[in-house]
Structures are given as structure tokens and as C-alpha cells.
Amino acid sequence: MKIRLIGKRNNLGIGTHFANFADALQQVSHWGDCVEELDCEDPDSIIASARLSHHTDVNISFVSMPLQNYFIGTNIQWVVFESTLVPPTVMSTMLTADLVWVPSHWGQYTLVENGLDPARCEVVPEGVDINRYHPYAPRINSPIQTYLMTGKYELRKSITETVTAWAQEFGNDPDVELIIKTDHFFNTEAKYNELTEWISQQGLTNVRVMWGAVPARDMADLYQQAHVFVMPSKGEGWGLPIIEAAAVGLPIITTMYSGHTEFLRHIQSSVIPVEFDLAPITCPDYQLFYPTEDGNWGEWAQPRIDSIRTALRTARNNYDQLQAQAVENSHIIRNNFSWAQVADRALQILQKRGLLK
């Protein structure tokens, strides 16, 4: 028997998911020796492996692909998405898989609402690197309170709404600072100029942009140097930056909607929720990535500017209490969402279904 993992190691959320799960599963005695890792961008290796596939094999893809066209065995799609309407191209692949794994109960509910048989859908949460993201690093003693925001420069991350609320609530207060660690898939120079010019137009000198990829080790340092994490996201399949901030022990400002509620519901005492309304998806980049014929991309959360302002104020005025709670809550995250536990959960489900042979 083989357990094939099809994906791509990179610094994106899904690449991080794939890499950490593969590493964790390979550490499990006996079953680690059965793992075969395949690069989803190497069709020759996929075809060669598929020729050797057997009906006892388990094939798990982290990207949307028609596994049944290649592999014999049990084909599992592990999928993340951010909308109430799963893109048709993604949904068609889910409907042909033997099983579908999603990282959250929100994702499971949404897939079932989109037509997936609930008997074929399991919740297998993602995790966080607990050796890298932890609350034990010494904090920098600075009179400036630093708010950190990370994620791609796209409408879904609500960077514009956050900066707008920041300008209204704090202005150029020298005692606070907002760091935006961001980048984009394409048109990177144009996107960078768009963001920095817009911030400049707001007249903000206490907002700093860090553009481009940052090694994981440096990202951990960035979290540990911050005081508060802010990301009122419109939708997350899992929310890797949010769980990393939670593992470090930062108070978190975010919407309590979509995939990241799977872990945030355990630590609500250090989460400052942002009120939102569900709104149709009008993001051009999202629409380009997921073309549809009927012009319907579903809905996601639209955070309210005044609520972001309130959250920023709450974090500043109650920081000591929130930070103490966040450090305590970081242990809940690290004790329940390590990658080793994700691998264990996956094996439990395979065993329950009689697939470990």
C-alpha cells in the first residue's frame, strides 16, 4: 500500500499545508515508509506513479485535479476555499472524488450546501509549526505598540479597510505602528506601487509596508516583535497567518467567519471580533482566477470600518489583559493543532474507513 500526496512545496498557504503534513506523516512509524510525495507540476512523475497504483492505495491531492483519471485506489481531495459558493471548477472535482477533506466545519457545511454528499466529507484541520511559532521568545521593550498584518495584497484580506480604519482611529499617532507584510502573485511592481501610493495619499507615516517573500524563520521573528495581529479577512480556507499569530500569543483582530473559526473558537478571550455583513464577491482577481458563466461567485464577509476602529481602540486600551490571555491561549493552539496531530487525525479517519491495509 502507498499513501500518495500530490501537491507543491512553496511559501503559499496550500504549499505550507502540503509540506508540513507530508513531513509529519513521514515521521509516523510504518506508515511514513508508505508515503510517496508527488509534485503536482510534474506530470511525468504523476503518470509514472499512476501506472504503479493499486486498489489498496490512498491518493491525497492538495490541488484540484481529476485523480480518478490517473490513480487506482481511494482518491481524496483536500480542499480549501473562501466563498459561500464553491467555484464550479473546484466543485466538479470534489464531486468525482471518493472522499473530500476540508480543514473546518464551516468548509464542510459549505460543501454540503453546494451539493456534496455529507457521508463523503470529513473535517481534517490544518496545523501550525509549534517549534517555530511559540510564545517563549523575549519581547522587545518598545514604547511603540506594533500592529502586524500579513497576507497577499488582495481584496479578500481587507488591507484597504484596515488602513482606512487605522487612519480614522489613530491618524499619525507616533506611539502606534502598523506593519503590513504582503505581496502578490503577478503584476507585483504595479501592486506594490498601488498600495504604497494609496497609503501615502492618506498621509500616514506610521504605516510600513514589507513587500515580498520572507523566510519562515524571519516571519516568526516578525510575529514575536509585534503586539497585536490584525486581519479582518473576508474569508479564509484555514487562515495560516492567523493561527501562527495565535501560536505566538498575540491578541487577534479579525472577523469570526469562515475557516479560521475552527481554531479561534477555542481562544475567543484573546480575539477581538470585527462585525461584518455578507456581501457578493466583486474582486476582479478572484473572478479572474475562478471564471464562471453566470456571474455569481457567492458571498464572503465584508468587515465594517467602524467595527475595525473599535477593535483597534480595544486592543490599545486593554492590551495588557488581552496579551496575558493570548499567551495562555497560545498553549491551547499549540496543544491541539500541531502538524503531528493533523497527521494523526488523518490516519484515524483512514483507519475508521478501513483504508489502512
Protein backbone atom coordinates (compact mmCIF):
# COMPACT_ATOMS: atom_id res chain seq x y z
CA MET A 1 0.00 0.00 0.00
CA LYS A 2 1.09 3.56 -0.74
CA ILE A 3 -0.16 6.88 0.56
CA ARG A 4 0.44 9.33 -2.25
CA LEU A 5 0.50 13.06 -1.52
CA ILE A 6 0.11 15.29 -4.57
CA GLY A 7 0.93 18.96 -4.14
CA LYS A 8 3.64 21.59 -4.32
CA ARG A 9 6.03 22.77 -1.62
CA ASN A 10 6.16 26.57 -1.63
CA ASN A 11 5.59 29.52 0.70
CA LEU A 12 1.89 29.84 -0.14
CA GLY A 13 -0.73 28.63 2.31
CA ILE A 14 -1.51 25.44 0.41
CA GLY A 15 2.20 24.77 -0.17
CA THR A 16 2.88 25.15 3.54
CA HIS A 17 -0.04 22.81 4.30
CA PHE A 18 1.29 20.21 1.88
CA ALA A 19 4.89 20.39 3.09
CA ASN A 20 4.15 20.27 6.81
CA PHE A 21 1.62 17.48 6.54
CA ALA A 22 3.97 15.41 4.37
CA ASP A 23 6.82 15.90 6.84
CA ALA A 24 4.61 15.00 9.82
CA LEU A 25 3.16 11.90 8.17
CA GLN A 26 6.59 10.65 7.19
CA GLN A 27 7.57 10.73 10.88
CA VAL A 28 4.90 8.15 11.77
CA SER A 29 6.43 4.69 12.11
CA HIS A 30 5.36 2.14 9.48
CA TRP A 31 3.06 4.50 7.60
CA GLY A 32 5.79 7.06 7.00
CA ASP A 33 7.58 4.46 4.88
CA CYS A 34 4.45 4.18 2.70
CA VAL A 35 4.35 7.87 1.79
CA GLU A 36 5.14 8.93 -1.76
CA GLU A 37 5.30 12.65 -2.40
CA LEU A 38 4.46 13.87 -5.92
CA ASP A 39 4.95 17.35 -7.38
CA CYS A 40 1.64 18.43 -8.92
CA GLU A 41 3.56 20.42 -11.53
CA ASP A 42 5.49 17.36 -12.74
CA PRO A 43 3.05 15.42 -14.96
CA ASP A 44 5.64 12.83 -15.95
CA SER A 45 6.19 11.73 -12.34
CA ILE A 46 2.42 11.64 -11.74
CA ILE A 47 1.83 9.45 -14.79
CA ALA A 48 4.72 7.14 -13.89
CA SER A 49 3.43 6.73 -10.33
CA ALA A 50 -0.15 6.26 -11.51
CA ARG A 51 0.91 3.27 -13.64
CA LEU A 52 2.02 1.54 -10.43
CA SER A 53 -1.06 2.43 -8.39
CA HIS A 54 -3.05 -0.33 -6.70
CA HIS A 55 -6.60 -0.59 -5.38
CA THR A 56 -5.30 -0.56 -1.79
CA ASP A 57 -3.54 2.80 -2.27
CA VAL A 58 -4.71 6.13 -0.84
CA ASN A 59 -4.12 9.15 -3.09
CA ILE A 60 -4.49 12.57 -1.45
CA SER A 61 -4.34 15.71 -3.60
CA PHE A 62 -3.86 19.19 -2.17
CA VAL A 63 -4.74 20.76 -5.52
CA SER A 64 -7.92 20.40 -7.53
CA MET A 65 -7.27 17.66 -10.09
CA PRO A 66 -9.22 14.67 -11.50
CA LEU A 67 -7.44 11.96 -9.54
CA GLN A 68 -9.66 9.22 -10.97
CA ASN A 69 -8.14 9.90 -14.39
CA TYR A 70 -4.77 8.80 -13.08
CA PHE A 71 -4.80 6.70 -9.94
CA ILE A 72 -6.33 3.42 -8.83
CA GLY A 73 -7.29 3.29 -5.15
CA THR A 74 -9.12 5.68 -2.85
CA ASN A 75 -8.86 9.23 -4.16
CA ILE A 76 -9.12 12.06 -1.65
CA GLN A 77 -9.27 15.79 -2.39
CA TRP A 78 -8.13 18.04 0.45
CA VAL A 79 -9.65 21.39 -0.43
CA VAL A 80 -9.76 24.96 0.89
CA PHE A 81 -11.95 27.80 -0.36
CA GLU A 82 -13.23 31.16 0.88
CA SER A 83 -16.69 31.69 -0.62
CA THR A 84 -20.20 30.51 0.15
CA LEU A 85 -20.23 29.29 -3.47
CA VAL A 86 -17.51 26.76 -4.16
CA PRO A 87 -16.11 27.60 -7.62
CA PRO A 88 -17.68 25.26 -10.21
CA THR A 89 -14.28 24.09 -11.48
CA VAL A 90 -13.35 23.07 -7.93
CA MET A 91 -16.75 21.60 -7.12
CA SER A 92 -16.73 19.35 -10.19
CA THR A 93 -13.50 17.76 -8.94
CA MET A 94 -14.92 17.31 -5.46
CA LEU A 95 -17.99 15.50 -6.82
CA THR A 96 -15.82 12.90 -8.56
CA ALA A 97 -13.52 12.22 -5.58
CA ASP A 98 -14.09 9.22 -3.32
CA LEU A 99 -13.64 11.42 -0.25
CA VAL A 100 -13.22 15.13 0.38
CA TRP A 101 -11.31 16.57 3.33
CA VAL A 102 -11.78 20.15 4.49
CA PRO A 103 -9.97 21.88 7.37
CA SER A 104 -13.05 23.32 9.09
CA HIS A 105 -16.66 22.60 9.93
CA TRP A 106 -17.53 25.82 8.09
CA GLY A 107 -15.93 24.31 4.98
CA GLN A 108 -17.80 21.04 5.47
CA TYR A 109 -21.14 22.84 5.83
CA THR A 110 -20.44 24.95 2.74
CA LEU A 111 -19.51 21.94 0.60
CA VAL A 112 -22.66 20.10 1.63
CA GLU A 113 -24.70 23.22 0.83
CA ASN A 114 -23.06 23.18 -2.60
CA GLY A 115 -24.23 19.62 -3.24
CA LEU A 116 -21.61 17.26 -1.81
CA ASP A 117 -22.81 14.10 -0.10
CA PRO A 118 -22.06 14.66 3.63
CA ALA A 119 -21.06 10.99 4.00
CA ARG A 120 -18.07 11.66 1.75
CA CYS A 121 -16.83 14.79 3.56
CA GLU A 122 -14.54 14.78 6.61
CA VAL A 123 -13.04 17.61 8.67
CA VAL A 124 -9.26 17.30 8.92
CA PRO A 125 -7.89 20.57 10.35
CA GLU A 126 -4.61 22.05 9.24
CA GLY A 127 -1.96 22.94 11.78
CA VAL A 128 0.88 25.22 12.81
CA ASP A 129 4.62 24.68 13.24
CA ILE A 130 4.79 24.71 17.05
CA ASN A 131 8.59 24.63 17.08
CA ARG A 132 8.78 27.85 15.11
CA TYR A 133 5.69 29.72 16.36
CA HIS A 134 5.62 29.88 20.16
CA PRO A 135 5.25 32.45 22.97
CA TYR A 136 8.66 31.93 24.56
CA ALA A 137 10.82 34.47 22.73
CA PRO A 138 11.69 37.61 24.73
CA ARG A 139 9.56 40.59 23.78
CA ILE A 140 11.22 43.78 22.59
CA ASN A 141 10.70 46.54 25.14
CA SER A 142 9.43 49.37 22.96
CA PRO A 143 7.19 52.33 23.75
CA ILE A 144 5.61 51.94 20.29
CA GLN A 145 2.72 49.48 20.08
CA THR A 146 3.10 47.49 16.86
CA TYR A 147 0.16 46.04 14.93
CA LEU A 148 1.05 43.40 12.36
CA MET A 149 -0.95 42.45 9.28
CA THR A 150 0.18 39.72 6.86
CA GLY A 151 -1.27 38.19 3.71
CA LYS A 152 -1.47 38.70 -0.04
CA TYR A 153 -2.36 42.16 -1.31
CA GLU A 154 -5.86 41.32 -2.44
CA LEU A 155 -9.34 42.50 -1.54
CA ARG A 156 -10.02 39.34 0.47
CA LYS A 157 -7.53 40.33 3.17
CA SER A 158 -9.23 43.71 3.81
CA ILE A 159 -5.99 45.71 3.79
CA THR A 160 -7.78 48.77 2.44
CA GLU A 161 -10.46 48.62 5.13
CA THR A 162 -7.83 48.19 7.84
CA VAL A 163 -5.74 51.17 6.71
CA THR A 164 -8.89 53.30 6.40
CA ALA A 165 -9.91 52.41 9.95
CA TRP A 166 -6.34 52.99 11.14
CA ALA A 167 -6.26 56.48 9.62
CA GLN A 168 -9.60 57.35 11.22
CA GLU A 169 -8.76 55.94 14.64
CA PHE A 170 -5.03 56.63 15.10
CA GLY A 171 -4.02 59.03 12.35
CA ASN A 172 -0.26 59.62 12.62
CA ASP A 173 -0.05 58.87 16.33
CA PRO A 174 3.69 58.18 16.84
CA ASP A 175 3.01 55.72 19.67
CA VAL A 176 1.47 53.12 17.34
CA GLU A 177 2.71 51.47 14.16
CA LEU A 178 1.07 49.24 11.54
CA ILE A 179 3.32 46.83 9.63
CA ILE A 180 1.79 45.28 6.51
CA LYS A 181 3.73 42.23 5.31
CA THR A 182 2.33 41.48 1.88
CA ASP A 183 2.96 40.60 -1.77
CA HIS A 184 1.08 39.35 -4.83
CA PHE A 185 1.20 36.58 -7.44
CA PHE A 186 1.52 38.79 -10.51
CA ASN A 187 1.95 42.44 -11.53
CA THR A 188 4.00 42.74 -8.38
CA GLU A 189 5.55 46.13 -9.11
CA ALA A 190 2.21 47.67 -10.07
CA LYS A 191 0.52 46.18 -6.99
CA TYR A 192 3.30 47.43 -4.71
CA ASN A 193 3.07 50.93 -6.17
CA GLU A 194 -0.72 50.89 -5.83
CA LEU A 195 -0.55 50.05 -2.14
CA THR A 196 2.29 52.37 -1.14
CA GLU A 197 0.90 55.31 -3.13
CA TRP A 198 -2.52 54.85 -1.56
CA ILE A 199 -1.03 54.82 1.96
CA SER A 200 0.97 57.93 1.08
CA GLN A 201 -2.21 59.65 -0.08
CA GLN A 202 -3.66 59.03 3.38
CA GLY A 203 -0.72 60.98 4.79
CA LEU A 204 0.22 58.10 7.09
CA THR A 205 3.80 57.90 8.32
CA ASN A 206 3.16 55.21 10.94
CA VAL A 207 2.18 52.52 8.39
CA ARG A 208 5.05 50.47 6.94
CA VAL A 209 4.88 48.02 4.04
CA MET A 210 7.12 44.94 3.90
CA TRP A 211 6.82 43.58 0.37
CA GLY A 212 7.88 40.16 -0.88
CA ALA A 213 8.64 36.70 0.42
CA VAL A 214 10.13 36.35 3.89
CA PRO A 215 11.75 33.12 5.18
CA ALA A 216 9.72 31.30 7.82
CA ARG A 217 12.38 31.97 10.47
CA ASP A 218 12.15 35.71 9.85
CA MET A 219 8.36 35.57 9.83
CA ALA A 220 8.44 34.03 13.29
CA ASP A 221 10.63 36.91 14.46
CA LEU A 222 8.19 39.39 12.93
CA TYR A 223 5.26 37.92 14.87
CA GLN A 224 7.28 37.90 18.09
CA GLN A 225 8.18 41.57 17.69
CA ALA A 226 4.53 42.60 17.27
CA HIS A 227 1.99 43.39 19.97
CA VAL A 228 -1.30 42.80 18.11
CA PHE A 229 -2.20 40.88 14.97
CA VAL A 230 -4.89 42.39 12.76
CA MET A 231 -6.52 40.74 9.74
CA PRO A 232 -10.28 41.29 9.34
CA SER A 233 -10.37 38.83 6.45
CA LYS A 234 -13.39 38.45 4.19
CA GLY A 235 -12.82 34.69 4.01
CA GLU A 236 -10.19 32.05 4.79
CA GLY A 237 -9.92 28.41 3.89
CA TRP A 238 -7.85 27.97 7.05
CA GLY A 239 -6.02 31.20 7.89
CA LEU A 240 -2.37 30.21 8.30
CA PRO A 241 -1.11 33.68 9.36
CA ILE A 242 -3.89 33.90 11.95
CA ILE A 243 -3.04 30.58 13.59
CA GLU A 244 0.67 31.46 13.53
CA ALA A 245 -0.11 34.69 15.39
CA ALA A 246 -2.29 32.76 17.83
CA ALA A 247 0.50 30.25 18.47
CA VAL A 248 2.92 33.09 19.22
CA GLY A 249 0.46 34.54 21.72
CA LEU A 250 -0.77 37.72 20.06
CA PRO A 251 -4.20 39.27 20.59
CA ILE A 252 -6.02 38.97 17.26
CA ILE A 253 -8.39 41.36 15.49
CA THR A 254 -10.40 39.52 12.84
CA THR A 255 -13.80 38.52 11.54
CA MET A 256 -15.22 35.39 13.16
CA TYR A 257 -16.28 33.88 9.86
CA SER A 258 -15.09 31.04 7.59
CA GLY A 259 -12.23 28.58 8.06
CA HIS A 260 -10.27 30.27 10.84
CA THR A 261 -13.21 29.94 13.24
CA GLU A 262 -12.19 26.26 13.54
CA PHE A 263 -9.34 27.18 15.87
CA LEU A 264 -10.30 30.68 17.02
CA ARG A 265 -13.46 29.40 18.70
CA HIS A 266 -11.15 27.77 21.28
CA ILE A 267 -9.44 31.06 22.22
CA GLN A 268 -12.13 33.71 21.96
CA SER A 269 -10.99 35.55 25.09
CA SER A 270 -7.99 36.96 23.18
CA VAL A 271 -9.83 37.56 19.89
CA ILE A 272 -11.39 40.96 19.21
CA PRO A 273 -14.15 40.24 16.69
CA VAL A 274 -14.89 42.61 13.82
CA GLU A 275 -18.53 42.95 12.82
CA PHE A 276 -19.31 42.23 9.19
CA ASP A 277 -22.03 41.77 6.61
CA LEU A 278 -22.13 39.03 3.99
CA ALA A 279 -21.64 40.62 0.57
CA PRO A 280 -21.30 39.39 -3.02
CA ILE A 281 -17.74 38.79 -4.22
CA THR A 282 -16.73 41.53 -6.66
CA CYS A 283 -12.94 41.09 -6.50
CA PRO A 284 -11.54 41.15 -10.09
CA ASP A 285 -8.58 38.92 -9.18
CA TYR A 286 -10.88 36.31 -7.61
CA GLN A 287 -13.22 36.43 -10.58
CA LEU A 288 -10.30 36.02 -12.98
CA PHE A 289 -8.93 33.04 -11.05
CA TYR A 290 -12.34 31.34 -10.83
CA PRO A 291 -14.21 32.07 -14.08
CA THR A 292 -17.95 31.40 -14.06
CA GLU A 293 -20.67 31.65 -16.66
CA ASP A 294 -23.45 33.13 -14.56
CA GLY A 295 -21.51 35.96 -12.90
CA ASN A 296 -22.11 34.56 -9.40
CA TRP A 297 -19.12 34.00 -7.17
CA GLY A 298 -21.02 33.68 -3.92
CA GLU A 299 -20.53 35.80 -0.82
CA TRP A 300 -17.95 36.46 1.84
CA ALA A 301 -17.64 38.73 4.87
CA GLN A 302 -17.45 42.50 4.41
CA PRO A 303 -15.95 43.96 7.60
CA ARG A 304 -17.38 47.21 8.92
CA ILE A 305 -14.92 50.09 9.12
CA ASP A 306 -16.35 51.40 12.38
CA SER A 307 -16.01 47.95 13.94
CA ILE A 308 -12.34 47.72 12.90
CA ARG A 309 -11.84 51.12 14.53
CA THR A 310 -13.46 49.87 17.73
CA ALA A 311 -11.29 46.75 17.68
CA LEU A 312 -8.11 48.81 17.25
CA ARG A 313 -9.14 51.01 20.17
CA THR A 314 -10.00 47.99 22.32
CA ALA A 315 -6.62 46.40 21.62
CA ARG A 316 -4.78 49.56 22.58
CA ASN A 317 -6.75 50.33 25.73
CA ASN A 318 -6.83 46.74 27.04
CA TYR A 319 -3.53 45.42 25.73
CA ASP A 320 -2.06 44.04 28.97
CA GLN A 321 -5.13 41.94 29.74
CA LEU A 322 -5.54 40.74 26.14
CA GLN A 323 -1.86 39.88 25.82
CA ALA A 324 -1.89 37.80 29.01
CA GLN A 325 -4.94 35.91 27.75
CA ALA A 326 -3.32 35.45 24.34
CA VAL A 327 -0.22 33.84 25.85
CA GLU A 328 -2.40 31.42 27.83
CA ASN A 329 -4.43 30.69 24.70
CA SER A 330 -1.33 30.03 22.64
CA HIS A 331 -0.91 26.80 24.61
CA ILE A 332 -4.42 25.71 23.56
CA ILE A 333 -3.50 26.27 19.92
CA ARG A 334 -0.14 24.53 20.20
CA ASN A 335 -1.58 21.59 22.14
CA ASN A 336 -4.38 20.95 19.66
CA PHE A 337 -3.15 22.00 16.22
CA SER A 338 0.39 20.73 15.74
CA TRP A 339 1.15 19.10 12.38
CA ALA A 340 1.78 15.81 14.19
CA GLN A 341 -1.81 15.94 15.41
CA VAL A 342 -3.01 16.66 11.88
CA ALA A 343 -1.24 13.55 10.62
CA ASP A 344 -2.73 11.56 13.49
CA ARG A 345 -6.23 12.82 12.68
CA ALA A 346 -5.80 11.85 9.02
CA LEU A 347 -4.68 8.35 9.95
CA GLN A 348 -7.60 7.98 12.37
CA ILE A 349 -10.04 8.75 9.55
CA LEU A 350 -8.31 6.38 7.14
CA GLN A 351 -8.39 3.66 9.78
CA LYS A 352 -12.04 4.29 10.61
CA ARG A 353 -12.92 3.83 6.95
CA GLY A 354 -10.88 0.63 6.68
CA LEU A 355 -8.33 2.15 4.30
CA LEU A 356 -5.14 1.28 6.20
CA LYS A 357 -4.28 -2.13 4.81
